[in-house]
Structures are given as structure tokens and as C-alpha cells.
Amino acid sequence: MSYGSAATRDDTGSKQLPVLKLLGRVWLWNALPNRRHAYFYNLWAGRATGKDRFRARLRADLTDVFTAARRGDLTATIAAELPLVRIADALRLAESGTVAGKVVLTP
């Protein structure tokens, strides 16, 4: 599961190319014979036509995700853990695009 896909931002070039690369990866994962499926959700698309079907699929998938989280099946990759007093450093690190995983602030 991935969300908040900051890697799709590309301020120096095409806004669509990074998203197309992400969609290509999702299509490739779905073509693999392991019976697993991946979906790319554009939550803004839920306002367009077909929104009832979109929302039903999103609701079902999020139910599965939250059930897996309750069971402890999901783990987050922690890239860095910083004390709350270093919030500015944490934000710079998170926005730098140089880490894979979450930047966690601790009180």
C-alpha cells in the first residue's frame, strides 16, 4: 500500500509523465500471475461520472486495508525518527525525496 505519492511530483517537466509511470507499474503488477491486484486511486476522480461505483470499490478496498491494519498485517517503513523539537529538519527530510519511508516525530 502506498499513499500520498509525492514521487509523482515533477516540477521541472511533465506533470503527467510521473503519473503515467506509476500507472504503468500498477498495470504490470496486475499482469503478474500471483493473483494479487493493485489499484491507483485518484480521490478527486470520485467527483466524476461513475462515482457510485468508484466509491463502492474504494469503500471495499479500504475496509480490507483497515482490517489488515487491525490484524497487524501492515507495517510502515520508517526512514527516520526525530524528536518533535526537530520538526523543521523532519519536514525538510520528508520533502527532500531522498528517503524511502515515513519520517516519524516523537514527543
N, C-alpha and C. Protein backbone atom coordinates (compact mmCIF):
# COMPACT_ATOMS: atom_id res chain seq x y z
N MET A 1 0.85 -1.16 0.00
CA MET A 1 0.00 0.00 0.00
C MET A 1 0.90 1.22 0.00
N SER A 2 0.55 2.15 -0.81
CA SER A 2 1.27 3.41 -0.86
C SER A 2 0.24 4.52 -0.99
N TYR A 3 0.49 5.62 -0.33
CA TYR A 3 -0.42 6.76 -0.45
C TYR A 3 0.39 8.04 -0.34
N GLY A 4 -0.24 9.12 -0.73
CA GLY A 4 0.48 10.40 -0.69
C GLY A 4 1.70 10.35 -1.58
N SER A 5 1.49 9.96 -2.79
CA SER A 5 2.58 9.65 -3.70
C SER A 5 3.32 10.90 -4.15
N ALA A 6 4.22 11.38 -3.30
CA ALA A 6 4.99 12.59 -3.62
C ALA A 6 5.92 12.36 -4.80
N ALA A 7 6.24 11.10 -5.07
CA ALA A 7 7.15 10.79 -6.17
C ALA A 7 6.54 11.14 -7.52
N THR A 8 5.25 11.40 -7.57
CA THR A 8 4.64 11.76 -8.84
C THR A 8 4.84 13.24 -9.16
N ARG A 9 5.37 13.99 -8.24
CA ARG A 9 5.61 15.42 -8.50
C ARG A 9 6.86 15.58 -9.34
N ASP A 10 6.77 16.41 -10.33
CA ASP A 10 7.91 16.68 -11.21
C ASP A 10 7.81 18.13 -11.63
N ASP A 11 8.41 19.01 -10.86
CA ASP A 11 8.26 20.45 -11.11
C ASP A 11 9.02 20.93 -12.34
N THR A 12 9.97 20.13 -12.84
CA THR A 12 10.78 20.60 -13.95
C THR A 12 10.27 20.12 -15.30
N GLY A 13 9.32 19.24 -15.31
CA GLY A 13 8.86 18.71 -16.59
C GLY A 13 7.38 18.43 -16.57
N SER A 14 7.04 17.35 -17.21
CA SER A 14 5.65 16.95 -17.37
C SER A 14 5.00 16.61 -16.03
N LYS A 15 3.78 17.05 -15.85
CA LYS A 15 3.01 16.67 -14.66
C LYS A 15 2.38 15.29 -14.87
N GLN A 16 2.17 14.89 -16.13
CA GLN A 16 1.51 13.64 -16.43
C GLN A 16 2.48 12.45 -16.48
N LEU A 17 3.72 12.65 -16.89
CA LEU A 17 4.66 11.55 -17.07
C LEU A 17 4.89 10.75 -15.78
N PRO A 18 5.13 11.38 -14.63
CA PRO A 18 5.31 10.57 -13.42
C PRO A 18 4.07 9.74 -13.07
N VAL A 19 2.89 10.30 -13.28
CA VAL A 19 1.65 9.56 -13.00
C VAL A 19 1.52 8.39 -13.97
N LEU A 20 1.85 8.61 -15.25
CA LEU A 20 1.79 7.51 -16.22
C LEU A 20 2.76 6.39 -15.85
N LYS A 21 3.93 6.74 -15.33
CA LYS A 21 4.88 5.72 -14.90
C LYS A 21 4.30 4.91 -13.74
N LEU A 22 3.66 5.60 -12.80
CA LEU A 22 3.03 4.92 -11.67
C LEU A 22 1.91 3.99 -12.16
N LEU A 23 1.09 4.47 -13.07
CA LEU A 23 0.02 3.63 -13.62
C LEU A 23 0.59 2.42 -14.37
N GLY A 24 1.68 2.62 -15.09
CA GLY A 24 2.33 1.50 -15.79
C GLY A 24 2.79 0.44 -14.82
N ARG A 25 3.33 0.87 -13.68
CA ARG A 25 3.76 -0.09 -12.66
C ARG A 25 2.56 -0.86 -12.11
N VAL A 26 1.45 -0.18 -11.87
CA VAL A 26 0.24 -0.83 -11.37
C VAL A 26 -0.25 -1.86 -12.40
N TRP A 27 -0.27 -1.49 -13.67
CA TRP A 27 -0.72 -2.43 -14.71
C TRP A 27 0.21 -3.63 -14.78
N LEU A 28 1.51 -3.42 -14.65
CA LEU A 28 2.46 -4.52 -14.66
C LEU A 28 2.20 -5.46 -13.48
N TRP A 29 2.04 -4.90 -12.28
CA TRP A 29 1.75 -5.74 -11.11
C TRP A 29 0.50 -6.57 -11.34
N ASN A 30 -0.54 -6.00 -11.96
CA ASN A 30 -1.78 -6.73 -12.20
C ASN A 30 -1.62 -7.82 -13.25
N ALA A 31 -0.60 -7.71 -14.09
CA ALA A 31 -0.37 -8.73 -15.12
C ALA A 31 0.40 -9.93 -14.58
N LEU A 32 1.00 -9.80 -13.41
CA LEU A 32 1.77 -10.91 -12.84
C LEU A 32 0.83 -12.06 -12.44
N PRO A 33 1.30 -13.30 -12.53
CA PRO A 33 0.43 -14.45 -12.26
C PRO A 33 0.27 -14.78 -10.78
N ASN A 34 0.52 -13.86 -9.87
CA ASN A 34 0.45 -14.16 -8.44
C ASN A 34 -0.92 -13.92 -7.82
N ARG A 35 -1.90 -13.57 -8.64
CA ARG A 35 -3.30 -13.34 -8.23
C ARG A 35 -3.46 -12.14 -7.29
N ARG A 36 -2.47 -11.29 -7.21
CA ARG A 36 -2.60 -10.07 -6.43
C ARG A 36 -2.97 -8.94 -7.38
N HIS A 37 -3.61 -7.94 -6.84
CA HIS A 37 -4.02 -6.81 -7.66
C HIS A 37 -3.64 -5.50 -6.98
N ALA A 38 -3.36 -4.53 -7.78
CA ALA A 38 -3.03 -3.20 -7.29
C ALA A 38 -3.96 -2.21 -7.97
N TYR A 39 -4.30 -1.16 -7.26
CA TYR A 39 -5.16 -0.12 -7.80
C TYR A 39 -4.53 1.23 -7.50
N PHE A 40 -4.72 2.13 -8.40
CA PHE A 40 -4.31 3.52 -8.21
C PHE A 40 -5.59 4.32 -8.03
N TYR A 41 -5.71 4.98 -6.91
CA TYR A 41 -6.90 5.77 -6.64
C TYR A 41 -6.58 7.25 -6.76
N ASN A 42 -7.32 7.90 -7.58
CA ASN A 42 -7.28 9.35 -7.64
C ASN A 42 -8.56 9.80 -6.93
N LEU A 43 -8.42 10.22 -5.68
CA LEU A 43 -9.61 10.54 -4.91
C LEU A 43 -10.42 11.68 -5.50
N TRP A 44 -9.77 12.54 -6.26
CA TRP A 44 -10.52 13.62 -6.92
C TRP A 44 -11.41 13.07 -8.02
N ALA A 45 -11.06 11.91 -8.57
CA ALA A 45 -11.86 11.32 -9.64
C ALA A 45 -13.22 10.87 -9.12
N GLY A 46 -13.35 10.71 -7.81
CA GLY A 46 -14.62 10.29 -7.24
C GLY A 46 -15.74 11.30 -7.45
N ARG A 47 -15.38 12.48 -7.89
CA ARG A 47 -16.40 13.50 -8.16
C ARG A 47 -16.95 13.40 -9.58
N ALA A 48 -16.31 12.60 -10.41
CA ALA A 48 -16.70 12.49 -11.82
C ALA A 48 -17.83 11.48 -11.99
N THR A 49 -18.20 11.23 -13.23
CA THR A 49 -19.25 10.26 -13.51
C THR A 49 -18.78 8.88 -13.06
N GLY A 50 -19.73 8.04 -12.71
CA GLY A 50 -19.40 6.71 -12.21
C GLY A 50 -18.94 6.73 -10.77
N LYS A 51 -19.26 7.82 -10.07
CA LYS A 51 -18.74 7.98 -8.73
C LYS A 51 -19.29 6.95 -7.75
N ASP A 52 -20.49 6.44 -7.96
CA ASP A 52 -21.03 5.44 -7.04
C ASP A 52 -20.23 4.14 -7.12
N ARG A 53 -19.88 3.72 -8.33
CA ARG A 53 -19.07 2.51 -8.49
C ARG A 53 -17.67 2.72 -7.92
N PHE A 54 -17.09 3.89 -8.18
CA PHE A 54 -15.78 4.24 -7.65
C PHE A 54 -15.79 4.20 -6.13
N ARG A 55 -16.77 4.83 -5.53
CA ARG A 55 -16.84 4.89 -4.07
C ARG A 55 -17.09 3.51 -3.47
N ALA A 56 -17.88 2.67 -4.12
CA ALA A 56 -18.12 1.31 -3.61
C ALA A 56 -16.82 0.50 -3.61
N ARG A 57 -16.06 0.60 -4.69
CA ARG A 57 -14.78 -0.13 -4.76
C ARG A 57 -13.80 0.42 -3.73
N LEU A 58 -13.74 1.73 -3.60
CA LEU A 58 -12.85 2.35 -2.62
C LEU A 58 -13.24 1.92 -1.21
N ARG A 59 -14.54 1.94 -0.91
CA ARG A 59 -15.01 1.54 0.42
C ARG A 59 -14.63 0.09 0.71
N ALA A 60 -14.82 -0.81 -0.23
CA ALA A 60 -14.48 -2.22 -0.04
C ALA A 60 -12.98 -2.40 0.16
N ASP A 61 -12.19 -1.72 -0.65
CA ASP A 61 -10.74 -1.86 -0.54
C ASP A 61 -10.22 -1.26 0.77
N LEU A 62 -10.75 -0.11 1.17
CA LEU A 62 -10.31 0.49 2.43
C LEU A 62 -10.73 -0.37 3.63
N THR A 63 -11.87 -1.03 3.54
CA THR A 63 -12.27 -1.96 4.58
C THR A 63 -11.24 -3.08 4.71
N ASP A 64 -10.78 -3.61 3.58
CA ASP A 64 -9.74 -4.64 3.60
C ASP A 64 -8.45 -4.11 4.21
N VAL A 65 -8.06 -2.89 3.84
CA VAL A 65 -6.83 -2.30 4.37
C VAL A 65 -6.92 -2.11 5.87
N PHE A 66 -8.04 -1.55 6.35
CA PHE A 66 -8.17 -1.31 7.79
C PHE A 66 -8.27 -2.62 8.57
N THR A 67 -8.89 -3.64 7.99
CA THR A 67 -8.93 -4.97 8.63
C THR A 67 -7.52 -5.54 8.75
N ALA A 68 -6.73 -5.42 7.70
CA ALA A 68 -5.34 -5.89 7.74
C ALA A 68 -4.53 -5.10 8.77
N ALA A 69 -4.78 -3.82 8.88
CA ALA A 69 -4.08 -3.00 9.87
C ALA A 69 -4.44 -3.44 11.29
N ARG A 70 -5.72 -3.71 11.52
CA ARG A 70 -6.15 -4.18 12.85
C ARG A 70 -5.49 -5.51 13.21
N ARG A 71 -5.33 -6.38 12.23
CA ARG A 71 -4.70 -7.69 12.47
C ARG A 71 -3.19 -7.56 12.67
N GLY A 72 -2.62 -6.41 12.30
CA GLY A 72 -1.18 -6.23 12.40
C GLY A 72 -0.44 -6.71 11.18
N ASP A 73 -1.15 -6.90 10.07
CA ASP A 73 -0.53 -7.38 8.83
C ASP A 73 0.22 -6.30 8.07
N LEU A 74 -0.02 -5.03 8.40
CA LEU A 74 0.63 -3.93 7.70
C LEU A 74 1.73 -3.35 8.57
N THR A 75 2.82 -3.05 7.95
CA THR A 75 3.90 -2.38 8.65
C THR A 75 4.34 -1.19 7.81
N ALA A 76 4.78 -0.17 8.48
CA ALA A 76 5.26 1.02 7.78
C ALA A 76 6.79 1.00 7.77
N THR A 77 7.35 1.41 6.67
CA THR A 77 8.79 1.57 6.59
C THR A 77 9.14 2.91 7.22
N ILE A 78 9.96 2.87 8.26
CA ILE A 78 10.37 4.09 8.95
C ILE A 78 11.74 4.50 8.41
N ALA A 79 11.79 5.65 7.78
CA ALA A 79 13.05 6.15 7.22
C ALA A 79 13.87 6.88 8.27
N ALA A 80 13.18 7.59 9.16
CA ALA A 80 13.88 8.35 10.19
C ALA A 80 12.92 8.62 11.34
N GLU A 81 13.48 8.72 12.53
CA GLU A 81 12.71 9.07 13.72
C GLU A 81 13.43 10.23 14.40
N LEU A 82 12.73 11.34 14.50
CA LEU A 82 13.33 12.56 15.05
C LEU A 82 12.48 13.08 16.20
N PRO A 83 13.11 13.74 17.17
CA PRO A 83 12.33 14.34 18.26
C PRO A 83 11.50 15.51 17.72
N LEU A 84 10.39 15.75 18.38
CA LEU A 84 9.46 16.80 17.95
C LEU A 84 10.13 18.16 17.84
N VAL A 85 11.12 18.43 18.64
CA VAL A 85 11.79 19.73 18.58
C VAL A 85 12.55 19.92 17.27
N ARG A 86 12.75 18.84 16.51
CA ARG A 86 13.43 18.93 15.21
C ARG A 86 12.42 18.83 14.05
N ILE A 87 11.25 19.38 14.27
CA ILE A 87 10.19 19.29 13.27
C ILE A 87 10.60 19.89 11.92
N ALA A 88 11.33 20.97 11.94
CA ALA A 88 11.76 21.60 10.68
C ALA A 88 12.69 20.66 9.91
N ASP A 89 13.61 19.99 10.62
CA ASP A 89 14.50 19.02 9.97
C ASP A 89 13.70 17.86 9.39
N ALA A 90 12.71 17.40 10.15
CA ALA A 90 11.87 16.28 9.71
C ALA A 90 11.11 16.65 8.43
N LEU A 91 10.57 17.85 8.39
CA LEU A 91 9.83 18.29 7.21
C LEU A 91 10.75 18.41 6.00
N ARG A 92 11.94 18.97 6.20
CA ARG A 92 12.89 19.07 5.10
C ARG A 92 13.26 17.68 4.58
N LEU A 93 13.48 16.74 5.49
CA LEU A 93 13.84 15.39 5.09
C LEU A 93 12.70 14.73 4.33
N ALA A 94 11.48 14.84 4.84
CA ALA A 94 10.32 14.24 4.18
C ALA A 94 10.10 14.82 2.80
N GLU A 95 10.33 16.11 2.63
CA GLU A 95 10.11 16.76 1.34
C GLU A 95 11.28 16.60 0.38
N SER A 96 12.41 16.11 0.88
CA SER A 96 13.62 16.05 0.05
C SER A 96 13.56 15.01 -1.06
N GLY A 97 12.70 14.02 -0.89
CA GLY A 97 12.64 12.95 -1.88
C GLY A 97 13.83 12.00 -1.80
N THR A 98 14.61 12.09 -0.74
CA THR A 98 15.81 11.25 -0.60
C THR A 98 15.60 10.05 0.31
N VAL A 99 14.44 9.95 0.94
CA VAL A 99 14.19 8.83 1.85
C VAL A 99 13.02 7.99 1.36
N ALA A 100 13.10 6.71 1.61
CA ALA A 100 12.00 5.80 1.30
C ALA A 100 11.39 5.38 2.63
N GLY A 101 10.21 5.83 2.91
CA GLY A 101 9.56 5.50 4.16
C GLY A 101 9.07 6.76 4.85
N LYS A 102 8.55 6.55 6.04
CA LYS A 102 7.96 7.64 6.81
C LYS A 102 8.99 8.30 7.71
N VAL A 103 8.82 9.58 7.90
CA VAL A 103 9.61 10.33 8.87
C VAL A 103 8.70 10.52 10.08
N VAL A 104 9.12 9.95 11.21
CA VAL A 104 8.31 9.92 12.42
C VAL A 104 8.83 10.94 13.41
N LEU A 105 7.91 11.71 13.98
CA LEU A 105 8.25 12.65 15.06
C LEU A 105 7.86 12.03 16.39
N THR A 106 8.76 12.11 17.36
CA THR A 106 8.46 11.58 18.69
C THR A 106 8.47 12.71 19.70
N PRO A 107 7.51 12.70 20.64
CA PRO A 107 7.46 13.76 21.65
C PRO A 107 8.63 13.66 22.64
